[in-house]
Amino acid sequence: MPHIGNDSAREALAAAMASGALHHAWLIAGPQGVGKGSFARRAALRMLAEAAEEALEPGWDVPATCRTAHYSASGAHPDYRELVRLPKDADKPDEALARSITIAQVRSLQALFANKPSLSSRRVILIDSIDDLERGGANALLKNLEEPPQGTIFLLVSHSPGRLLPTIRSRCRLLRFEALAPSQVAPILREQLPQSTAGEIEALVRAGEGSPGRALGFAGLGLAALEAEMATLADTGDAGNVVRARLAKQLGAKAAQPRYEAFLDRAPSFIAERARSLSGEALRAALDAYAAARELAGAATGLSLDAGTTVFEMSGLIARLAR
């Protein structure tokens, strides 16, 4: 994904790197899907290449011809570790991931810390995301942040920094990433989805809410058509339940599960968008519908509610927006 937006955060880290007094832990925080993880990986590679005194141009790029890039591409850089959620079944890496990053993964770093970095005076540990760290793992990591091994830089990606242990936050410098503007999201989507129509791109931009990653999660699901149906519900109220019944039939089928989940994900934010133009009693009704839509979307997944019935009910909440 192209690196667009959040220039101030990138520049702050670049300035710290250039100063020669780089703090040992950085919390890269912001909404999910705005490029925090990809930037952290790029920054890690640059830090390692600079420490190894490789020939580099200004900026963040590390040429593929560099030794650092070669080791990183093969997953064999001795001074870099990345902690992420692992597959539940090691023999099926493309299937479901574990719920958390475990304490065992954090403890596995101790063997690394027992020795000096191999290729330079620096090593980098990236955790994406630290929100996924189980409580025991967080406590184990805290010990390393309090007494950082010499030459070690921690890059911690977080979507919800307020949920982290205060003691972890206090030992990190914060790099705040913000949601992107629609004008920044659109070109990313056009590059990633060259076959999509202008209408589909527009729908994805709205659904992404400033997050290219979130927007791409809706790709290929006919979001523009779903949004057209939601707009009809909101504009007309669908007194005869024609649209509600049609959506329930379309999305209630087992084969439509991805579109069903997209509908549940998008409906609350669609209601919120419409609410911004309302006032008085209409606004209060929209806010009530939004709260109910969020609750329904959460319950639908957690309680395995009937898909067709859930879609019909969610459509009714959207229809409350009609004046």
C-alpha atoms as a PDB file:
ATOM      1  CA  MET A   1       0.000   0.000   0.000  1.00  0.00           C
ATOM      2  CA  PRO A   2       1.383   3.454  -0.842  1.00  0.00           C
ATOM      3  CA  HIS A   3       2.547   5.612   2.050  1.00  0.00           C
ATOM      4  CA  ILE A   4       0.144   8.552   2.067  1.00  0.00           C
ATOM      5  CA  GLY A   5      -0.756  10.957   4.869  1.00  0.00           C
ATOM      6  CA  ASN A   6       0.396  11.343   8.471  1.00  0.00           C
ATOM      7  CA  ASP A   7       3.498  13.200   7.368  1.00  0.00           C
ATOM      8  CA  SER A   8       4.030  14.792  10.792  1.00  0.00           C
ATOM      9  CA  ALA A   9       4.336  11.401  12.503  1.00  0.00           C
ATOM     10  CA  ARG A  10       6.778  10.131   9.885  1.00  0.00           C
ATOM     11  CA  GLU A  11       8.811  13.326  10.111  1.00  0.00           C
ATOM     12  CA  ALA A  12       8.950  13.134  13.908  1.00  0.00           C
ATOM     13  CA  LEU A  13      10.508   9.674  13.800  1.00  0.00           C
ATOM     14  CA  ALA A  14      12.868  10.685  10.992  1.00  0.00           C
ATOM     15  CA  ALA A  15      14.066  13.653  13.065  1.00  0.00           C
ATOM     16  CA  ALA A  16      14.648  11.420  16.096  1.00  0.00           C
ATOM     17  CA  MET A  17      16.648   8.984  13.965  1.00  0.00           C
ATOM     18  CA  ALA A  18      18.748  11.806  12.523  1.00  0.00           C
ATOM     19  CA  SER A  19      19.446  13.240  15.977  1.00  0.00           C
ATOM     20  CA  GLY A  20      21.486  10.239  17.052  1.00  0.00           C
ATOM     21  CA  ALA A  21      19.462  10.018  20.280  1.00  0.00           C
ATOM     22  CA  LEU A  22      16.699   7.639  19.277  1.00  0.00           C
ATOM     23  CA  HIS A  23      14.333   6.709  22.122  1.00  0.00           C
ATOM     24  CA  HIS A  24      14.194   2.962  22.795  1.00  0.00           C
ATOM     25  CA  ALA A  25      10.392   2.509  22.470  1.00  0.00           C
ATOM     26  CA  TRP A  26       7.830   4.034  20.106  1.00  0.00           C
ATOM     27  CA  LEU A  27       4.060   3.629  20.268  1.00  0.00           C
ATOM     28  CA  ILE A  28       2.633   3.994  16.763  1.00  0.00           C
ATOM     29  CA  ALA A  29      -1.036   4.588  17.490  1.00  0.00           C
ATOM     30  CA  GLY A  30      -4.144   5.389  15.504  1.00  0.00           C
ATOM     31  CA  PRO A  31      -7.148   3.893  13.677  1.00  0.00           C
ATOM     32  CA  GLN A  32      -6.784   0.445  12.191  1.00  0.00           C
ATOM     33  CA  GLY A  33      -5.942   0.292   8.510  1.00  0.00           C
ATOM     34  CA  VAL A  34      -4.244   3.690   8.077  1.00  0.00           C
ATOM     35  CA  GLY A  35      -0.774   2.282   7.391  1.00  0.00           C
ATOM     36  CA  LYS A  36       0.773   2.076  10.872  1.00  0.00           C
ATOM     37  CA  GLY A  37       2.049  -1.480  10.503  1.00  0.00           C
ATOM     38  CA  SER A  38       3.488  -1.018   7.025  1.00  0.00           C
ATOM     39  CA  PHE A  39       5.227   2.187   8.142  1.00  0.00           C
ATOM     40  CA  ALA A  40       6.636   0.456  11.226  1.00  0.00           C
ATOM     41  CA  ARG A  41       8.128  -2.299   9.054  1.00  0.00           C
ATOM     42  CA  ARG A  42       9.598   0.260   6.686  1.00  0.00           C
ATOM     43  CA  ALA A  43      11.030   2.251   9.595  1.00  0.00           C
ATOM     44  CA  ALA A  44      12.518  -0.896  11.159  1.00  0.00           C
ATOM     45  CA  LEU A  45      14.308  -1.759   7.929  1.00  0.00           C
ATOM     46  CA  ARG A  46      15.658   1.781   7.628  1.00  0.00           C
ATOM     47  CA  MET A  47      16.879   1.810  11.233  1.00  0.00           C
ATOM     48  CA  LEU A  48      18.775  -1.423  10.712  1.00  0.00           C
ATOM     49  CA  ALA A  49      20.268  -0.324   7.403  1.00  0.00           C
ATOM     50  CA  GLU A  50      21.422   3.010   8.843  1.00  0.00           C
ATOM     51  CA  ALA A  51      22.996   1.285  11.843  1.00  0.00           C
ATOM     52  CA  ALA A  52      24.834  -1.044   9.462  1.00  0.00           C
ATOM     53  CA  GLU A  53      26.162   2.056   7.630  1.00  0.00           C
ATOM     54  CA  GLU A  54      24.796   0.965   4.281  1.00  0.00           C
ATOM     55  CA  ALA A  55      24.686   3.401   1.351  1.00  0.00           C
ATOM     56  CA  LEU A  56      21.224   5.006   1.461  1.00  0.00           C
ATOM     57  CA  GLU A  57      19.453   7.864  -0.242  1.00  0.00           C
ATOM     58  CA  PRO A  58      17.462  10.345   1.896  1.00  0.00           C
ATOM     59  CA  GLY A  59      13.999   9.140   2.856  1.00  0.00           C
ATOM     60  CA  TRP A  60      12.699   5.789   4.051  1.00  0.00           C
ATOM     61  CA  ASP A  61      13.638   3.502   1.167  1.00  0.00           C
ATOM     62  CA  VAL A  62      16.210   0.739   1.578  1.00  0.00           C
ATOM     63  CA  PRO A  63      17.395  -0.606  -1.813  1.00  0.00           C
ATOM     64  CA  ALA A  64      16.874  -4.306  -2.414  1.00  0.00           C
ATOM     65  CA  THR A  65      20.606  -4.587  -3.102  1.00  0.00           C
ATOM     66  CA  CYS A  66      21.413  -3.744   0.536  1.00  0.00           C
ATOM     67  CA  ARG A  67      22.378  -6.595   2.820  1.00  0.00           C
ATOM     68  CA  THR A  68      19.739  -5.470   5.323  1.00  0.00           C
ATOM     69  CA  ALA A  69      16.988  -5.694   2.699  1.00  0.00           C
ATOM     70  CA  HIS A  70      18.232  -9.094   1.553  1.00  0.00           C
ATOM     71  CA  TYR A  71      18.162 -10.562   5.056  1.00  0.00           C
ATOM     72  CA  SER A  72      14.785  -9.009   5.781  1.00  0.00           C
ATOM     73  CA  ALA A  73      13.207 -10.300   2.567  1.00  0.00           C
ATOM     74  CA  SER A  74      14.289 -13.839   3.413  1.00  0.00           C
ATOM     75  CA  GLY A  75      13.018 -13.521   7.000  1.00  0.00           C
ATOM     76  CA  ALA A  76      16.506 -14.191   8.318  1.00  0.00           C
ATOM     77  CA  HIS A  77      17.702 -10.849   9.683  1.00  0.00           C
ATOM     78  CA  PRO A  78      19.419 -11.748  12.973  1.00  0.00           C
ATOM     79  CA  ASP A  79      18.678  -8.353  14.561  1.00  0.00           C
ATOM     80  CA  TYR A  80      14.989  -8.103  13.759  1.00  0.00           C
ATOM     81  CA  ARG A  81      12.025  -9.819  15.368  1.00  0.00           C
ATOM     82  CA  GLU A  82       8.356  -9.341  14.670  1.00  0.00           C
ATOM     83  CA  LEU A  83       5.650 -10.495  17.071  1.00  0.00           C
ATOM     84  CA  VAL A  84       2.194 -11.035  15.581  1.00  0.00           C
ATOM     85  CA  ARG A  85      -0.679 -13.409  16.193  1.00  0.00           C
ATOM     86  CA  LEU A  86       0.265 -16.841  14.890  1.00  0.00           C
ATOM     87  CA  PRO A  87      -1.978 -19.371  13.099  1.00  0.00           C
ATOM     88  CA  LYS A  88      -3.898 -21.624  15.474  1.00  0.00           C
ATOM     89  CA  ASP A  89      -2.645 -24.598  13.463  1.00  0.00           C
ATOM     90  CA  ALA A  90       0.998 -24.315  12.430  1.00  0.00           C
ATOM     91  CA  ASP A  91       0.335 -26.726   9.555  1.00  0.00           C
ATOM     92  CA  LYS A  92      -2.385 -24.425   8.165  1.00  0.00           C
ATOM     93  CA  PRO A  93      -0.839 -20.926   8.081  1.00  0.00           C
ATOM     94  CA  ASP A  94      -3.597 -19.492   5.881  1.00  0.00           C
ATOM     95  CA  GLU A  95      -6.400 -20.281   8.335  1.00  0.00           C
ATOM     96  CA  ALA A  96      -7.584 -18.674  11.580  1.00  0.00           C
ATOM     97  CA  LEU A  97      -5.130 -16.833  13.804  1.00  0.00           C
ATOM     98  CA  ALA A  98      -4.769 -17.201  17.547  1.00  0.00           C
ATOM     99  CA  ARG A  99      -6.679 -14.687  19.676  1.00  0.00           C
ATOM    100  CA  SER A 100      -3.534 -13.163  21.137  1.00  0.00           C
ATOM    101  CA  ILE A 101       0.225 -12.796  21.038  1.00  0.00           C
ATOM    102  CA  THR A 102       1.349 -15.106  23.816  1.00  0.00           C
ATOM    103  CA  ILE A 103       3.698 -14.702  26.733  1.00  0.00           C
ATOM    104  CA  ALA A 104       5.792 -17.482  25.196  1.00  0.00           C
ATOM    105  CA  GLN A 105       6.408 -15.311  22.127  1.00  0.00           C
ATOM    106  CA  VAL A 106       7.593 -12.444  24.318  1.00  0.00           C
ATOM    107  CA  ARG A 107       9.814 -14.734  26.381  1.00  0.00           C
ATOM    108  CA  SER A 108      11.381 -16.086  23.190  1.00  0.00           C
ATOM    109  CA  LEU A 109      13.070 -12.690  22.818  1.00  0.00           C
ATOM    110  CA  GLN A 110      15.249 -13.299  25.866  1.00  0.00           C
ATOM    111  CA  ALA A 111      17.638 -15.533  23.930  1.00  0.00           C
ATOM    112  CA  LEU A 112      18.076 -12.697  21.454  1.00  0.00           C
ATOM    113  CA  PHE A 113      18.708 -10.165  24.217  1.00  0.00           C
ATOM    114  CA  ALA A 114      21.359 -12.383  25.798  1.00  0.00           C
ATOM    115  CA  ASN A 115      23.718 -11.502  22.943  1.00  0.00           C
ATOM    116  CA  LYS A 116      24.809  -8.312  21.230  1.00  0.00           C
ATOM    117  CA  PRO A 117      23.268  -7.417  17.849  1.00  0.00           C
ATOM    118  CA  SER A 118      25.000  -9.276  15.014  1.00  0.00           C
ATOM    119  CA  LEU A 119      25.234  -6.896  12.036  1.00  0.00           C
ATOM    120  CA  SER A 120      25.499  -3.520  13.757  1.00  0.00           C
ATOM    121  CA  SER A 121      24.978  -1.929  17.149  1.00  0.00           C
ATOM    122  CA  ARG A 122      21.161  -2.033  16.796  1.00  0.00           C
ATOM    123  CA  ARG A 123      18.292  -4.487  16.805  1.00  0.00           C
ATOM    124  CA  VAL A 124      14.575  -3.794  16.289  1.00  0.00           C
ATOM    125  CA  ILE A 125      11.561  -5.543  17.825  1.00  0.00           C
ATOM    126  CA  LEU A 126       8.215  -4.838  16.145  1.00  0.00           C
ATOM    127  CA  ILE A 127       4.898  -5.873  17.747  1.00  0.00           C
ATOM    128  CA  ASP A 128       1.800  -5.631  15.545  1.00  0.00           C
ATOM    129  CA  SER A 129      -0.344  -5.103  17.339  1.00  0.00           C
ATOM    130  CA  ILE A 130       0.465  -4.711  21.011  1.00  0.00           C
ATOM    131  CA  ASP A 131      -3.316  -4.629  21.594  1.00  0.00           C
ATOM    132  CA  ASP A 132      -3.220  -8.388  20.890  1.00  0.00           C
ATOM    133  CA  LEU A 133      -0.713  -9.097  23.646  1.00  0.00           C
ATOM    134  CA  GLU A 134      -2.136 -11.253  26.440  1.00  0.00           C
ATOM    135  CA  ARG A 135      -1.805  -9.815  29.949  1.00  0.00           C
ATOM    136  CA  GLY A 136       1.116 -12.013  30.948  1.00  0.00           C
ATOM    137  CA  GLY A 137       2.915 -11.086  27.753  1.00  0.00           C
ATOM    138  CA  ALA A 138       2.354  -7.387  28.448  1.00  0.00           C
ATOM    139  CA  ASN A 139       3.921  -7.742  31.887  1.00  0.00           C
ATOM    140  CA  ALA A 140       6.870  -9.640  30.448  1.00  0.00           C
ATOM    141  CA  LEU A 141       7.370  -6.969  27.785  1.00  0.00           C
ATOM    142  CA  LEU A 142       7.218  -4.227  30.417  1.00  0.00           C
ATOM    143  CA  LYS A 143      10.363  -5.571  32.044  1.00  0.00           C
ATOM    144  CA  ASN A 144      12.214  -5.131  28.743  1.00  0.00           C
ATOM    145  CA  LEU A 145      10.844  -1.614  28.284  1.00  0.00           C
ATOM    146  CA  GLU A 146      11.912  -0.656  31.813  1.00  0.00           C
ATOM    147  CA  GLU A 147      15.427  -2.033  31.309  1.00  0.00           C
ATOM    148  CA  PRO A 148      15.886  -2.072  27.529  1.00  0.00           C
ATOM    149  CA  PRO A 149      18.648  -4.322  26.212  1.00  0.00           C
ATOM    150  CA  GLN A 150      21.485  -2.258  24.779  1.00  0.00           C
ATOM    151  CA  GLY A 151      20.902  -1.138  21.192  1.00  0.00           C
ATOM    152  CA  THR A 152      17.310  -2.396  21.084  1.00  0.00           C
ATOM    153  CA  ILE A 153      14.475  -0.323  19.606  1.00  0.00           C
ATOM    154  CA  PHE A 154      10.842  -1.349  20.175  1.00  0.00           C
ATOM    155  CA  LEU A 155       8.168  -0.355  17.634  1.00  0.00           C
ATOM    156  CA  LEU A 156       4.717  -1.033  19.098  1.00  0.00           C
ATOM    157  CA  VAL A 157       1.682  -0.715  16.820  1.00  0.00           C
ATOM    158  CA  SER A 158      -1.611   0.020  18.595  1.00  0.00           C
ATOM    159  CA  HIS A 159      -5.168   0.588  17.399  1.00  0.00           C
ATOM    160  CA  SER A 160      -6.462   1.259  20.938  1.00  0.00           C
ATOM    161  CA  PRO A 161      -3.659   2.799  23.022  1.00  0.00           C
ATOM    162  CA  GLY A 162      -6.061   3.729  25.808  1.00  0.00           C
ATOM    163  CA  ARG A 163      -6.467   0.030  26.625  1.00  0.00           C
ATOM    164  CA  LEU A 164      -2.760  -0.577  27.150  1.00  0.00           C
ATOM    165  CA  LEU A 165      -1.095  -0.758  30.532  1.00  0.00           C
ATOM    166  CA  PRO A 166      -0.312   2.828  31.596  1.00  0.00           C
ATOM    167  CA  THR A 167       3.178   1.659  32.526  1.00  0.00           C
ATOM    168  CA  ILE A 168       3.770   0.568  28.916  1.00  0.00           C
ATOM    169  CA  ARG A 169       2.435   3.819  27.466  1.00  0.00           C
ATOM    170  CA  SER A 170       4.575   5.894  29.829  1.00  0.00           C
ATOM    171  CA  ARG A 171       7.786   4.271  28.581  1.00  0.00           C
ATOM    172  CA  CYS A 172       7.080   4.995  24.919  1.00  0.00           C
ATOM    173  CA  ARG A 173       7.276   8.035  22.682  1.00  0.00           C
ATOM    174  CA  LEU A 174       3.965   8.450  20.880  1.00  0.00           C
ATOM    175  CA  LEU A 175       3.589   8.678  17.106  1.00  0.00           C
ATOM    176  CA  ARG A 176      -0.051   9.516  16.424  1.00  0.00           C
ATOM    177  CA  PHE A 177      -1.529   8.388  13.098  1.00  0.00           C
ATOM    178  CA  GLU A 178      -4.877   9.927  12.092  1.00  0.00           C
ATOM    179  CA  ALA A 179      -7.617   8.826   9.713  1.00  0.00           C
ATOM    180  CA  LEU A 180      -6.915   9.920   6.136  1.00  0.00           C
ATOM    181  CA  ALA A 181      -8.980  12.400   4.152  1.00  0.00           C
ATOM    182  CA  PRO A 182     -11.222  10.962   1.405  1.00  0.00           C
ATOM    183  CA  SER A 183      -8.943  12.617  -1.180  1.00  0.00           C
ATOM    184  CA  GLN A 184      -6.049  10.573   0.247  1.00  0.00           C
ATOM    185  CA  VAL A 185      -7.931   7.267   0.452  1.00  0.00           C
ATOM    186  CA  ALA A 186      -9.354   7.349  -3.086  1.00  0.00           C
ATOM    187  CA  PRO A 187      -6.033   7.185  -4.998  1.00  0.00           C
ATOM    188  CA  ILE A 188      -4.877   4.290  -2.821  1.00  0.00           C
ATOM    189  CA  LEU A 189      -8.036   2.365  -3.675  1.00  0.00           C
ATOM    190  CA  ARG A 190      -7.779   3.179  -7.379  1.00  0.00           C
ATOM    191  CA  GLU A 191      -4.225   1.837  -7.397  1.00  0.00           C
ATOM    192  CA  GLN A 192      -5.111  -1.311  -5.466  1.00  0.00           C
ATOM    193  CA  LEU A 193      -8.418  -1.922  -7.293  1.00  0.00           C
ATOM    194  CA  PRO A 194      -7.863  -0.810 -10.898  1.00  0.00           C
ATOM    195  CA  GLN A 195     -10.904  -2.745 -12.175  1.00  0.00           C
ATOM    196  CA  SER A 196     -13.388  -1.073  -9.808  1.00  0.00           C
ATOM    197  CA  THR A 197     -15.867   1.477 -11.099  1.00  0.00           C
ATOM    198  CA  ALA A 198     -15.892   5.080  -9.910  1.00  0.00           C
ATOM    199  CA  GLY A 199     -19.132   4.400  -8.041  1.00  0.00           C
ATOM    200  CA  GLU A 200     -17.644   1.435  -6.208  1.00  0.00           C
ATOM    201  CA  ILE A 201     -14.540   3.437  -5.269  1.00  0.00           C
ATOM    202  CA  GLU A 202     -16.744   6.220  -3.873  1.00  0.00           C
ATOM    203  CA  ALA A 203     -18.708   3.707  -1.801  1.00  0.00           C
ATOM    204  CA  LEU A 204     -15.493   2.127  -0.501  1.00  0.00           C
ATOM    205  CA  VAL A 205     -14.067   5.520   0.465  1.00  0.00           C
ATOM    206  CA  ARG A 206     -17.184   6.292   2.515  1.00  0.00           C
ATOM    207  CA  ALA A 207     -17.151   2.877   4.152  1.00  0.00           C
ATOM    208  CA  GLY A 208     -13.455   3.133   4.951  1.00  0.00           C
ATOM    209  CA  GLU A 209     -13.986   6.159   7.190  1.00  0.00           C
ATOM    210  CA  GLY A 210     -10.466   7.382   6.565  1.00  0.00           C
ATOM    211  CA  SER A 211      -8.898   3.906   6.663  1.00  0.00           C
ATOM    212  CA  PRO A 212      -7.644   2.431   3.364  1.00  0.00           C
ATOM    213  CA  GLY A 213      -7.276  -0.952   5.057  1.00  0.00           C
ATOM    214  CA  ARG A 214     -10.888  -0.934   6.208  1.00  0.00           C
ATOM    215  CA  ALA A 215     -12.057   0.165   2.767  1.00  0.00           C
ATOM    216  CA  LEU A 216     -10.144  -2.633   1.051  1.00  0.00           C
ATOM    217  CA  GLY A 217     -11.860  -5.096   3.383  1.00  0.00           C
ATOM    218  CA  PHE A 218     -15.129  -4.265   1.604  1.00  0.00           C
ATOM    219  CA  ALA A 219     -13.667  -4.720  -1.893  1.00  0.00           C
ATOM    220  CA  GLY A 220     -15.385  -7.178  -4.209  1.00  0.00           C
ATOM    221  CA  LEU A 221     -18.582  -7.314  -2.142  1.00  0.00           C
ATOM    222  CA  GLY A 222     -20.757  -5.035  -4.268  1.00  0.00           C
ATOM    223  CA  LEU A 223     -20.772  -2.328  -1.630  1.00  0.00           C
ATOM    224  CA  ALA A 224     -22.118   0.333  -4.002  1.00  0.00           C
ATOM    225  CA  ALA A 225     -25.272  -1.734  -4.579  1.00  0.00           C
ATOM    226  CA  LEU A 226     -25.713  -2.291  -0.832  1.00  0.00           C
ATOM    227  CA  GLU A 227     -25.326   1.425  -0.184  1.00  0.00           C
ATOM    228  CA  ALA A 228     -27.922   2.201  -2.834  1.00  0.00           C
ATOM    229  CA  GLU A 229     -30.373  -0.059  -1.014  1.00  0.00           C
ATOM    230  CA  MET A 230     -29.532   1.565   2.330  1.00  0.00           C
ATOM    231  CA  ALA A 231     -30.056   5.010   0.801  1.00  0.00           C
ATOM    232  CA  THR A 232     -33.495   3.935  -0.441  1.00  0.00           C
ATOM    233  CA  LEU A 233     -34.393   2.738   3.042  1.00  0.00           C
ATOM    234  CA  ALA A 234     -33.227   5.998   4.606  1.00  0.00           C
ATOM    235  CA  ASP A 235     -34.916   8.207   2.024  1.00  0.00           C
ATOM    236  CA  THR A 236     -38.280   6.453   1.718  1.00  0.00           C
ATOM    237  CA  GLY A 237     -38.779   4.521   4.963  1.00  0.00           C
ATOM    238  CA  ASP A 238     -39.733   1.456   2.899  1.00  0.00           C
ATOM    239  CA  ALA A 239     -43.312   1.425   4.221  1.00  0.00           C
ATOM    240  CA  GLY A 240     -44.147  -1.740   2.295  1.00  0.00           C
ATOM    241  CA  ASN A 241     -41.014  -3.604   3.467  1.00  0.00           C
ATOM    242  CA  VAL A 242     -40.058  -4.289  -0.138  1.00  0.00           C
ATOM    243  CA  VAL A 243     -36.390  -3.329   0.241  1.00  0.00           C
ATOM    244  CA  ARG A 244     -36.128  -4.996   3.645  1.00  0.00           C
ATOM    245  CA  ALA A 245     -37.473  -8.269   2.284  1.00  0.00           C
ATOM    246  CA  ARG A 246     -35.215  -8.099  -0.774  1.00  0.00           C
ATOM    247  CA  LEU A 247     -32.084  -7.517   1.297  1.00  0.00           C
ATOM    248  CA  ALA A 248     -33.053 -10.251   3.765  1.00  0.00           C
ATOM    249  CA  LYS A 249     -33.417 -12.721   0.909  1.00  0.00           C
ATOM    250  CA  GLN A 250     -30.174 -11.673  -0.797  1.00  0.00           C
ATOM    251  CA  LEU A 251     -28.001 -11.585   2.303  1.00  0.00           C
ATOM    252  CA  GLY A 252     -29.644 -14.365   4.293  1.00  0.00           C
ATOM    253  CA  ALA A 253     -28.280 -17.138   2.104  1.00  0.00           C
ATOM    254  CA  LYS A 254     -25.238 -19.011   3.386  1.00  0.00           C
ATOM    255  CA  ALA A 255     -23.288 -18.202   0.208  1.00  0.00           C
ATOM    256  CA  ALA A 256     -23.802 -14.482   0.908  1.00  0.00           C
ATOM    257  CA  GLN A 257     -21.986 -14.563   4.273  1.00  0.00           C
ATOM    258  CA  PRO A 258     -19.216 -12.086   3.249  1.00  0.00           C
ATOM    259  CA  ARG A 259     -21.772  -9.546   1.970  1.00  0.00           C
ATOM    260  CA  TYR A 260     -23.939 -10.124   5.045  1.00  0.00           C
ATOM    261  CA  GLU A 261     -20.995  -9.329   7.318  1.00  0.00           C
ATOM    262  CA  ALA A 262     -20.161  -6.259   5.220  1.00  0.00           C
ATOM    263  CA  PHE A 263     -23.750  -5.045   5.558  1.00  0.00           C
ATOM    264  CA  LEU A 264     -23.644  -5.447   9.339  1.00  0.00           C
ATOM    265  CA  ASP A 265     -20.310  -3.652   9.504  1.00  0.00           C
ATOM    266  CA  ARG A 266     -21.371  -0.775   7.275  1.00  0.00           C
ATOM    267  CA  ALA A 267     -24.953  -0.139   8.454  1.00  0.00           C
ATOM    268  CA  PRO A 268     -24.139   1.595  11.792  1.00  0.00           C
ATOM    269  CA  SER A 269     -21.641   3.982  10.188  1.00  0.00           C
ATOM    270  CA  PHE A 270     -24.121   4.681   7.373  1.00  0.00           C
ATOM    271  CA  ILE A 271     -26.690   5.720   9.973  1.00  0.00           C
ATOM    272  CA  ALA A 272     -24.066   7.868  11.726  1.00  0.00           C
ATOM    273  CA  GLU A 273     -23.228   9.653   8.469  1.00  0.00           C
ATOM    274  CA  ARG A 274     -26.874  10.471   7.815  1.00  0.00           C
ATOM    275  CA  ALA A 275     -27.320  11.652  11.413  1.00  0.00           C
ATOM    276  CA  ARG A 276     -24.743  14.418  10.926  1.00  0.00           C
ATOM    277  CA  SER A 277     -27.169  16.372   8.720  1.00  0.00           C
ATOM    278  CA  LEU A 278     -30.097  16.080  11.154  1.00  0.00           C
ATOM    279  CA  SER A 279     -31.193  18.072  14.172  1.00  0.00           C
ATOM    280  CA  GLY A 280     -33.848  18.059  16.880  1.00  0.00           C
ATOM    281  CA  GLU A 281     -36.146  15.056  17.116  1.00  0.00           C
ATOM    282  CA  ALA A 282     -34.848  13.592  13.851  1.00  0.00           C
ATOM    283  CA  LEU A 283     -31.305  13.606  15.232  1.00  0.00           C
ATOM    284  CA  ARG A 284     -32.392  11.932  18.477  1.00  0.00           C
ATOM    285  CA  ALA A 285     -34.196   9.223  16.495  1.00  0.00           C
ATOM    286  CA  ALA A 286     -31.105   8.696  14.319  1.00  0.00           C
ATOM    287  CA  LEU A 287     -28.826   8.410  17.345  1.00  0.00           C
ATOM    288  CA  ASP A 288     -31.175   5.848  18.884  1.00  0.00           C
ATOM    289  CA  ALA A 289     -31.129   3.906  15.616  1.00  0.00           C
ATOM    290  CA  TYR A 290     -27.330   4.071  15.529  1.00  0.00           C
ATOM    291  CA  ALA A 291     -27.020   2.682  19.059  1.00  0.00           C
ATOM    292  CA  ALA A 292     -29.468  -0.104  18.249  1.00  0.00           C
ATOM    293  CA  ALA A 293     -27.631  -0.898  14.998  1.00  0.00           C
ATOM    294  CA  ARG A 294     -24.291  -1.228  16.773  1.00  0.00           C
ATOM    295  CA  GLU A 295     -25.821  -3.507  19.388  1.00  0.00           C
ATOM    296  CA  LEU A 296     -27.512  -5.646  16.743  1.00  0.00           C
ATOM    297  CA  ALA A 297     -24.325  -5.946  14.658  1.00  0.00           C
ATOM    298  CA  GLY A 298     -22.379  -7.114  17.713  1.00  0.00           C
ATOM    299  CA  ALA A 299     -25.050  -9.577  18.800  1.00  0.00           C
ATOM    300  CA  ALA A 300     -25.460 -11.005  15.295  1.00  0.00           C
ATOM    301  CA  THR A 301     -21.898 -12.289  15.279  1.00  0.00           C
ATOM    302  CA  GLY A 302     -21.574 -13.212  18.925  1.00  0.00           C
ATOM    303  CA  LEU A 303     -24.926 -15.000  19.178  1.00  0.00           C
ATOM    304  CA  SER A 304     -25.086 -16.423  15.629  1.00  0.00           C
ATOM    305  CA  LEU A 305     -28.479 -14.833  14.935  1.00  0.00           C
ATOM    306  CA  ASP A 306     -30.449 -15.831  11.850  1.00  0.00           C
ATOM    307  CA  ALA A 307     -28.998 -13.825   8.961  1.00  0.00           C
ATOM    308  CA  GLY A 308     -32.228 -13.057   7.121  1.00  0.00           C
ATOM    309  CA  THR A 309     -34.037 -11.922  10.260  1.00  0.00           C
ATOM    310  CA  THR A 310     -31.059  -9.812  11.309  1.00  0.00           C
ATOM    311  CA  VAL A 311     -30.863  -8.085   7.928  1.00  0.00           C
ATOM    312  CA  PHE A 312     -34.587  -7.335   8.019  1.00  0.00           C
ATOM    313  CA  GLU A 313     -34.250  -5.832  11.512  1.00  0.00           C
ATOM    314  CA  MET A 314     -31.143  -3.818  10.615  1.00  0.00           C
ATOM    315  CA  SER A 315     -32.894  -2.496   7.515  1.00  0.00           C
ATOM    316  CA  GLY A 316     -35.745  -1.335   9.725  1.00  0.00           C
ATOM    317  CA  LEU A 317     -33.290   0.661  11.826  1.00  0.00           C
ATOM    318  CA  ILE A 318     -31.934   2.370   8.701  1.00  0.00           C
ATOM    319  CA  ALA A 319     -35.521   3.111   7.595  1.00  0.00           C
ATOM    320  CA  ARG A 320     -36.043   5.124  10.804  1.00  0.00           C
ATOM    321  CA  LEU A 321     -33.958   7.848   9.186  1.00  0.00           C
ATOM    322  CA  ALA A 322     -36.744   8.684   6.754  1.00  0.00           C
ATOM    323  CA  ARG A 323     -38.362  12.014   7.554  1.00  0.00           C
END
